[in-house]
Amino acid sequence: MQQKIRIGTRGSQLALAQTAEVKSRLCAAHSHLHPDDIEIVVMSTQGDRILDRPLAEIGGKGLFTEEIEDALRAGSIDLAVHSLKDMPTQLPPGLELACMLPREDARDAFICNHAASLSALPPGAVIGTASLRRQAQTLQTRPDLKVVTFRGNIQSRLRKLEEGVVDATFLAMAGLNRLGVKGHNIHPMGEDIMLPAVAQGAITIEIATDREDIRALLRPLNDEKTAVCVTAERALLATLDGSCRTPIAAYATLQADQTLSMTGRVLSPDGRQVYNITRRAPAAMAERLGHEMGNHLKEQAGDAFFAALHAGQ
């Protein structure tokens, strides 16, 4: 009897939807696999349990992965499904990202019941977000708005919006699409106004490095176009030593001729200082492109800019 494949995941509706997609793709790629052969193991992470403080205050992205990665190392699960934007650029020893699924819509959505854009909000309107990247880009466009900390899953944030806790908020289009959430109050934002988070919209699968059997199972699921784009974006992030405490955005696209185009942006949390860069390179140079762009942004912003960011932490 074949031993079950155990997939570890967080318990939110979005995490479960992403895991169901991985399960479906595994069964479609391997005729010997039946849905009953794959077990979904729901796990609670510290990031899910602490909802009253910004991520920057409680430890950053690793809070959404630590318990799951412990289970991978212990062998109590065989693979883990993550939103790649939640993953640190440095993984713990013995673990690797073995697969990238095709990327969803990477844009942010502006969610508001009485305005279709940031520019249409009245002065002093209250925006809810826990993302420094979204905060900084909001204040860059509209320094007269008030930004407050606003955490929780998609459903809880939409409920708070309906209750009038804030005038508007942001969510990733990818999550809304994967959950089938639609509405007249959902407005996709252009990258010129709200450049996405690094790897936003991408699902990744993490495994223990010594699990060649699982790596082989995942190989047919890997989307090379997504992998190239997020490799460049994550290289930029790693070069800037980015964390949840640093407002950094980057978005790469791959053309039919295998030319990679990427825009990167780093801001001060108040949106008053903004540094941008856009460059192109062959797809084979994705990682190098990200590092070069990250170093260029470092030079543009200067040591004093990053020293001030770290001092504020």
Protein backbone atom coordinates (compact mmCIF):
# COMPACT_ATOMS: atom_id res chain seq x y z
CA MET A 1 0.00 0.00 0.00
CA GLN A 2 1.35 3.40 -1.02
CA GLN A 3 2.15 5.74 1.85
CA LYS A 4 0.20 8.99 1.80
CA ILE A 5 1.86 12.19 0.64
CA ARG A 6 1.41 14.79 3.38
CA ILE A 7 1.13 18.46 2.42
CA GLY A 8 1.60 21.03 5.17
CA THR A 9 -0.25 24.33 4.99
CA ARG A 10 -1.65 27.19 7.03
CA GLY A 11 -5.36 27.03 7.77
CA SER A 12 -6.72 30.18 6.12
CA GLN A 13 -9.22 29.84 3.28
CA LEU A 14 -6.61 31.15 0.85
CA ALA A 15 -3.89 28.77 2.06
CA LEU A 16 -6.31 25.83 1.77
CA ALA A 17 -7.35 26.90 -1.74
CA GLN A 18 -3.69 27.08 -2.80
CA THR A 19 -3.01 23.67 -1.29
CA ALA A 20 -6.04 22.20 -3.05
CA GLU A 21 -4.61 23.52 -6.32
CA VAL A 22 -1.29 21.77 -5.64
CA LYS A 23 -3.11 18.52 -4.79
CA SER A 24 -5.15 18.75 -8.00
CA ARG A 25 -2.08 19.44 -10.11
CA LEU A 26 -0.19 16.51 -8.57
CA CYS A 27 -3.03 14.12 -9.38
CA ALA A 28 -3.31 15.48 -12.93
CA ALA A 29 0.45 15.11 -13.51
CA HIS A 30 0.73 11.57 -12.11
CA SER A 31 -1.83 8.96 -13.17
CA HIS A 32 -0.89 6.67 -10.26
CA LEU A 33 -1.92 9.29 -7.72
CA HIS A 34 -5.50 9.39 -6.42
CA PRO A 35 -6.80 12.29 -4.27
CA ASP A 36 -7.04 9.87 -1.33
CA ASP A 37 -3.26 9.33 -1.60
CA ILE A 38 -2.64 12.96 -0.59
CA GLU A 39 -3.31 14.21 2.92
CA ILE A 40 -3.55 17.92 3.75
CA VAL A 41 -2.07 18.72 7.17
CA VAL A 42 -3.32 22.06 8.50
CA MET A 43 -0.90 23.87 10.79
CA SER A 44 -1.11 27.06 12.85
CA THR A 45 1.79 29.50 12.67
CA GLN A 46 2.74 32.32 14.98
CA GLY A 47 1.93 34.83 12.26
CA ASP A 48 -1.63 33.50 12.13
CA ARG A 49 -2.08 33.72 15.88
CA ILE A 50 -0.77 37.26 16.49
CA LEU A 51 -3.08 39.65 14.67
CA ASP A 52 -2.95 42.80 16.77
CA ARG A 53 0.51 44.03 15.75
CA PRO A 54 2.35 44.75 12.47
CA LEU A 55 4.61 41.96 11.20
CA ALA A 56 7.60 44.27 11.52
CA GLU A 57 7.09 44.38 15.29
CA ILE A 58 6.78 40.63 15.85
CA GLY A 59 9.50 39.21 13.66
CA GLY A 60 8.61 39.44 9.98
CA LYS A 61 7.96 36.84 7.30
CA GLY A 62 9.41 33.82 9.10
CA LEU A 63 6.45 33.88 11.48
CA PHE A 64 4.31 32.30 8.74
CA THR A 65 6.72 29.43 8.06
CA GLU A 66 8.61 28.38 11.18
CA GLU A 67 6.25 25.66 12.48
CA ILE A 68 5.72 24.29 8.97
CA GLU A 69 9.45 24.16 8.28
CA ASP A 70 10.03 22.36 11.59
CA ALA A 71 7.57 19.70 10.40
CA LEU A 72 9.39 19.40 7.05
CA ARG A 73 12.72 18.83 8.80
CA ALA A 74 11.15 16.32 11.18
CA GLY A 75 9.59 14.41 8.29
CA SER A 76 6.04 14.71 9.63
CA ILE A 77 5.05 16.36 6.31
CA ASP A 78 6.53 15.76 2.85
CA LEU A 79 6.04 19.17 1.27
CA ALA A 80 4.71 22.58 2.23
CA VAL A 81 2.68 25.06 0.20
CA HIS A 82 3.39 28.76 0.67
CA SER A 83 2.61 32.13 -0.85
CA LEU A 84 6.10 32.98 -2.07
CA LYS A 85 5.80 36.61 -0.98
CA ASP A 86 5.68 35.31 2.63
CA MET A 87 8.99 33.46 2.28
CA PRO A 88 12.31 34.90 3.53
CA THR A 89 15.04 35.06 0.89
CA GLN A 90 17.26 32.85 3.08
CA LEU A 91 15.84 29.42 3.91
CA PRO A 92 16.89 27.28 6.87
CA PRO A 93 19.63 24.72 6.13
CA GLY A 94 18.30 21.51 4.62
CA LEU A 95 15.24 23.06 2.98
CA GLU A 96 14.64 24.33 -0.57
CA LEU A 97 11.96 25.75 -2.83
CA ALA A 98 11.44 22.95 -5.33
CA CYS A 99 8.57 24.27 -7.44
CA MET A 100 6.74 27.41 -8.58
CA LEU A 101 3.17 27.22 -9.87
CA PRO A 102 1.99 29.57 -12.66
CA ARG A 103 1.67 33.06 -11.23
CA GLU A 104 -1.72 34.67 -10.70
CA ASP A 105 -2.46 38.39 -11.18
CA ALA A 106 0.37 40.11 -9.27
CA ARG A 107 -1.40 43.45 -8.83
CA ASP A 108 -2.77 44.91 -5.62
CA ALA A 109 -6.46 45.71 -5.36
CA PHE A 110 -7.80 48.93 -3.86
CA ILE A 111 -10.93 47.99 -1.90
CA CYS A 112 -13.35 50.79 -1.14
CA ASN A 113 -17.14 51.14 -1.12
CA HIS A 114 -17.27 54.81 -2.10
CA ALA A 115 -14.18 55.56 -4.22
CA ALA A 116 -12.60 53.79 -7.18
CA SER A 117 -9.01 54.89 -6.54
CA LEU A 118 -6.67 56.46 -4.02
CA SER A 119 -6.94 59.77 -5.83
CA ALA A 120 -10.74 59.78 -5.39
CA LEU A 121 -10.64 59.50 -1.59
CA PRO A 122 -11.43 62.64 0.42
CA PRO A 123 -8.61 64.25 2.43
CA GLY A 124 -8.03 62.55 5.77
CA ALA A 125 -9.61 59.25 4.75
CA VAL A 126 -8.37 56.23 6.70
CA ILE A 127 -6.56 53.40 4.91
CA GLY A 128 -6.05 50.08 6.66
CA THR A 129 -2.95 48.01 5.87
CA ALA A 130 -0.24 46.10 7.73
CA SER A 131 2.16 46.35 4.79
CA LEU A 132 4.87 49.01 4.93
CA ARG A 133 5.18 48.71 1.14
CA ARG A 134 1.51 49.59 0.66
CA GLN A 135 1.67 52.27 3.35
CA ALA A 136 4.69 53.97 1.77
CA GLN A 137 3.27 53.93 -1.75
CA THR A 138 -0.09 55.19 -0.47
CA LEU A 139 1.54 58.12 1.29
CA GLN A 140 3.73 58.81 -1.73
CA THR A 141 0.55 59.34 -3.78
CA ARG A 142 -1.66 60.79 -1.03
CA PRO A 143 0.33 62.17 1.92
CA ASP A 144 -2.91 63.63 3.32
CA LEU A 145 -4.40 60.20 4.05
CA LYS A 146 -4.17 58.40 7.39
CA VAL A 147 -2.78 54.84 7.40
CA VAL A 148 -3.61 52.47 10.28
CA THR A 149 -2.51 48.90 11.02
CA PHE A 150 -4.99 46.42 9.59
CA ARG A 151 -4.27 42.67 9.74
CA GLY A 152 -6.27 39.49 9.32
CA ASN A 153 -7.32 37.17 6.50
CA ILE A 154 -9.20 38.32 3.41
CA GLN A 155 -12.63 37.69 4.91
CA SER A 156 -11.94 39.49 8.19
CA ARG A 157 -10.49 42.52 6.42
CA LEU A 158 -13.47 42.77 4.08
CA ARG A 159 -15.79 42.51 7.08
CA LYS A 160 -13.97 45.32 8.92
CA LEU A 161 -14.26 47.45 5.79
CA GLU A 162 -18.03 46.85 5.69
CA GLU A 163 -18.23 47.79 9.37
CA GLY A 164 -16.59 51.13 8.63
CA VAL A 165 -13.43 50.51 10.66
CA VAL A 166 -11.51 52.04 7.74
CA ASP A 167 -12.48 53.82 4.52
CA ALA A 168 -10.40 51.58 2.28
CA THR A 169 -7.86 48.77 2.31
CA PHE A 170 -5.73 46.71 -0.07
CA LEU A 171 -5.66 43.02 -0.93
CA ALA A 172 -3.71 41.03 -3.49
CA MET A 173 -5.68 40.33 -6.67
CA ALA A 174 -4.19 36.83 -6.67
CA GLY A 175 -5.86 35.90 -3.39
CA LEU A 176 -9.19 37.40 -4.41
CA ASN A 177 -9.09 35.50 -7.72
CA ARG A 178 -8.14 32.20 -6.10
CA LEU A 179 -11.07 32.50 -3.69
CA GLY A 180 -13.47 33.72 -6.36
CA VAL A 181 -14.11 36.99 -4.52
CA LYS A 182 -15.63 39.62 -6.78
CA GLY A 183 -17.32 42.96 -6.17
CA HIS A 184 -17.92 46.45 -7.45
CA ASN A 185 -15.63 47.75 -4.70
CA ILE A 186 -12.54 45.85 -5.94
CA HIS A 187 -10.29 48.00 -8.13
CA PRO A 188 -7.00 46.57 -9.52
CA MET A 189 -4.15 49.06 -9.20
CA GLY A 190 -1.57 49.92 -11.84
CA GLU A 191 2.06 49.11 -11.08
CA ASP A 192 2.93 52.80 -11.48
CA ILE A 193 0.86 53.60 -8.36
CA MET A 194 1.30 50.40 -6.35
CA LEU A 195 4.23 48.25 -7.46
CA PRO A 196 3.59 44.70 -6.16
CA ALA A 197 5.44 42.91 -3.41
CA VAL A 198 8.29 40.65 -4.46
CA ALA A 199 6.81 37.36 -5.76
CA GLN A 200 3.21 38.48 -5.15
CA GLY A 201 0.76 36.05 -6.79
CA ALA A 202 3.21 33.13 -6.86
CA ILE A 203 2.70 29.83 -5.02
CA THR A 204 5.82 27.88 -4.09
CA ILE A 205 6.38 24.39 -2.70
CA GLU A 206 9.08 23.81 -0.09
CA ILE A 207 10.69 20.44 0.61
CA ALA A 208 13.58 18.95 2.54
CA THR A 209 16.66 18.96 0.32
CA ASP A 210 17.20 15.22 0.76
CA ARG A 211 13.73 14.31 -0.58
CA GLU A 212 14.55 13.50 -4.20
CA ASP A 213 11.34 11.44 -4.41
CA ILE A 214 9.21 14.51 -3.69
CA ARG A 215 11.34 16.72 -5.93
CA ALA A 216 10.69 14.31 -8.82
CA LEU A 217 6.93 14.37 -8.17
CA LEU A 218 6.92 18.16 -8.29
CA ARG A 219 9.04 18.56 -11.42
CA PRO A 220 6.09 18.49 -13.90
CA LEU A 221 4.31 21.21 -11.88
CA ASN A 222 7.08 23.80 -12.10
CA ASP A 223 6.34 26.87 -14.23
CA GLU A 224 9.62 28.13 -15.66
CA LYS A 225 8.30 31.57 -16.60
CA THR A 226 7.22 32.23 -13.02
CA ALA A 227 10.47 30.79 -11.68
CA VAL A 228 12.57 33.18 -13.81
CA CYS A 229 10.58 36.26 -12.78
CA VAL A 230 10.53 35.54 -9.05
CA THR A 231 14.22 34.61 -9.08
CA ALA A 232 15.04 38.12 -10.29
CA GLU A 233 12.66 39.76 -7.80
CA ARG A 234 13.95 37.76 -4.82
CA ALA A 235 17.57 38.48 -5.78
CA LEU A 236 16.80 42.21 -5.66
CA LEU A 237 15.15 41.76 -2.26
CA ALA A 238 18.07 39.73 -0.91
CA THR A 239 20.58 42.34 -2.09
CA LEU A 240 18.66 45.07 -0.28
CA ASP A 241 18.42 42.85 2.81
CA GLY A 242 14.69 43.36 2.59
CA SER A 243 12.27 42.45 5.34
CA CYS A 244 8.78 43.40 6.44
CA ARG A 245 10.41 46.49 7.94
CA THR A 246 11.65 47.81 4.61
CA PRO A 247 9.23 49.18 1.97
CA ILE A 248 10.51 47.35 -1.12
CA ALA A 249 8.59 46.46 -4.28
CA ALA A 250 9.62 44.67 -7.47
CA TYR A 251 7.86 43.17 -10.46
CA ALA A 252 9.38 41.25 -13.37
CA THR A 253 7.80 40.10 -16.63
CA LEU A 254 9.17 37.72 -19.24
CA GLN A 255 8.63 38.46 -22.93
CA ALA A 256 8.21 35.88 -25.70
CA ASP A 257 11.80 36.48 -26.82
CA GLN A 258 13.02 35.51 -23.31
CA THR A 259 13.82 39.10 -22.37
CA LEU A 260 13.23 39.78 -18.71
CA SER A 261 12.03 43.26 -17.74
CA MET A 262 11.90 44.34 -14.10
CA THR A 263 11.07 47.44 -12.08
CA GLY A 264 12.27 47.82 -8.50
CA ARG A 265 11.33 50.43 -5.92
CA VAL A 266 12.44 51.27 -2.40
CA LEU A 267 10.76 53.92 -0.26
CA SER A 268 10.86 55.50 3.15
CA PRO A 269 7.85 54.42 5.28
CA ASP A 270 6.33 57.91 5.00
CA GLY A 271 6.57 57.80 1.19
CA ARG A 272 8.61 60.99 0.99
CA GLN A 273 11.74 59.34 -0.40
CA VAL A 274 11.31 57.06 -3.41
CA TYR A 275 13.96 55.37 -5.58
CA ASN A 276 13.07 53.50 -8.78
CA ILE A 277 14.91 51.42 -11.33
CA THR A 278 13.81 49.55 -14.48
CA ARG A 279 16.12 47.29 -16.44
CA ARG A 280 16.09 44.39 -18.92
CA ALA A 281 18.24 41.32 -19.39
CA PRO A 282 18.08 37.83 -20.91
CA ALA A 283 16.10 35.34 -18.82
CA ALA A 284 19.26 33.34 -18.14
CA MET A 285 20.61 36.36 -16.21
CA ALA A 286 17.59 36.68 -13.88
CA GLU A 287 19.47 36.35 -10.62
CA ARG A 288 22.31 38.60 -11.75
CA LEU A 289 19.80 41.23 -12.92
CA GLY A 290 18.12 41.25 -9.50
CA HIS A 291 21.42 41.65 -7.66
CA GLU A 292 22.60 44.44 -9.99
CA MET A 293 19.33 46.33 -9.62
CA GLY A 294 19.41 45.92 -5.86
CA ASN A 295 22.94 47.32 -5.72
CA HIS A 296 21.94 50.22 -7.95
CA LEU A 297 19.03 51.07 -5.62
CA LYS A 298 21.46 50.95 -2.69
CA GLU A 299 23.70 53.45 -4.45
CA GLN A 300 20.76 55.68 -5.38
CA ALA A 301 19.34 55.79 -1.87
CA GLY A 302 22.69 55.98 -0.08
CA ASP A 303 23.86 54.66 3.26
CA ALA A 304 22.03 57.33 5.25
CA PHE A 305 18.66 56.20 3.85
CA PHE A 306 19.11 52.59 4.99
CA ALA A 307 20.70 53.64 8.28
CA ALA A 308 17.56 55.68 9.01
CA LEU A 309 15.35 52.69 8.19
CA HIS A 310 17.32 50.41 10.51
CA ALA A 311 17.31 53.02 13.25
CA GLY A 312 13.53 53.09 13.05
CA GLN A 313 13.36 49.36 13.68
